[in-house]
Every structure is written in structure tokens, then in C-alpha cells.
Protein backbone atom coordinates (compact mmCIF):
# COMPACT_ATOMS: atom_id res chain seq x y z
CA MET A 1 -26.23 -20.28 -5.53
CA ASN A 2 -22.50 -20.61 -5.11
CA THR A 3 -21.96 -20.51 -8.88
CA MET A 4 -24.16 -17.44 -9.19
CA PHE A 5 -21.97 -15.62 -6.65
CA TYR A 6 -18.87 -16.27 -8.77
CA VAL A 7 -20.64 -15.10 -11.92
CA VAL A 8 -21.67 -11.86 -10.21
CA CYS A 9 -18.11 -11.35 -8.93
CA ILE A 10 -16.69 -11.79 -12.43
CA VAL A 11 -19.21 -9.36 -13.90
CA VAL A 12 -18.44 -6.77 -11.22
CA ALA A 13 -14.70 -7.18 -11.77
CA VAL A 14 -15.10 -6.66 -15.53
CA LEU A 15 -17.26 -3.58 -14.99
CA LEU A 16 -14.76 -2.10 -12.53
CA ALA A 17 -11.88 -2.75 -14.93
CA ASP A 18 -13.79 -1.04 -17.76
CA ALA A 19 -14.61 1.96 -15.55
CA PHE A 20 -10.95 2.25 -14.52
CA LYS A 21 -9.85 2.09 -18.16
CA LYS A 22 -12.27 4.87 -19.08
CA TYR A 23 -11.00 6.94 -16.14
CA LEU A 24 -7.41 6.59 -17.37
CA ASN A 25 -8.44 7.61 -20.91
CA VAL A 26 -10.15 10.76 -19.60
CA LYS A 27 -7.13 11.60 -17.47
CA GLN A 28 -4.83 11.17 -20.47
CA LYS A 29 -7.01 13.43 -22.65
CA LYS A 30 -6.81 16.16 -20.02
CA GLN A 31 -3.03 15.99 -20.18
CA GLU A 32 -3.11 16.22 -23.97
CA ASN A 33 -4.85 19.60 -23.70
CA ASN A 34 -1.94 20.94 -21.68
CA PRO A 35 -0.73 24.26 -23.21
CA GLU A 36 2.88 23.54 -22.26
CA LEU A 37 2.70 20.30 -24.20
CA GLU A 38 1.34 22.07 -27.27
CA GLU A 39 4.09 24.69 -27.05
CA SER A 40 6.74 21.99 -26.76
CA LEU A 41 5.32 20.17 -29.79
CA LYS A 42 5.48 23.40 -31.83
CA LYS A 43 9.10 23.89 -30.83
CA ILE A 44 9.90 20.31 -31.82
CA ASP A 45 8.28 20.85 -35.22
CA SER A 46 10.32 24.00 -35.85
CA LEU A 47 13.52 22.24 -34.77
CA GLU A 48 12.78 19.35 -37.13
CA GLU A 49 12.42 21.84 -40.00
CA ARG A 50 15.75 23.44 -39.10
CA ILE A 51 17.44 20.05 -38.96
CA GLN A 52 16.10 19.20 -42.41
CA VAL A 53 17.57 22.43 -43.78
CA LEU A 54 20.92 21.69 -42.16
CA GLU A 55 20.91 18.15 -43.54
CA ARG A 56 20.20 19.51 -47.01
CA ILE A 57 23.08 21.97 -46.73
CA VAL A 58 25.50 19.34 -45.47
CA THR A 59 24.60 16.77 -48.12
CA GLU A 60 24.83 19.17 -51.07
CA SER A 61 28.03 19.15 -53.04
CA LYS A 62 30.57 21.85 -52.22
CA ARG A 63 30.22 23.37 -55.66
CA ASP A 64 26.49 23.92 -55.19
CA LEU A 65 27.12 25.39 -51.77
CA GLY A 66 29.82 27.71 -53.14
CA GLU A 67 27.51 28.88 -55.90
CA GLU A 68 24.73 29.49 -53.41
CA ILE A 69 27.05 31.57 -51.21
CA ASP A 70 28.21 33.57 -54.25
CA HIS A 71 24.61 34.34 -55.17
CA LEU A 72 24.01 35.74 -51.71
């Protein structure tokens, strides 16, 4: 009977740990649906695009940049 008690305790502990893990996953998913987070991610995407354009401009040769300015 003593061994059976330990087996039951281990099973209960595993079930509680699994339930807690599922609770944390649900809580995290609720945070992912946060509109402020989505807005921030959109801003980050637009900033990344702008940085790519700036990197392209900086890495181009000066002649290409001068020609591009003349065409404008």
C-alpha cells in the first residue's frame, strides 16, 4: 500500500504539471492577440524596410548615387 501511495502522488504531480503548462500556453496566446503588440510588430516591419533602403543607398557607389540624384 505504501508503494501505491507514491505511485498515485507521482501521477498527480505529473497531471498538475501538465495542467499548469497548458495554463501558461493559454495565457501566452492571449498576450499574442494583444492589439498593441500587433501594432508594434507592424512598426518594426516598416522600420526594417526603411533600414534596408538606407543600407542599399549607403552601399551603392557614389557614381550610381549621383546619377540617381540627377535623374530626380
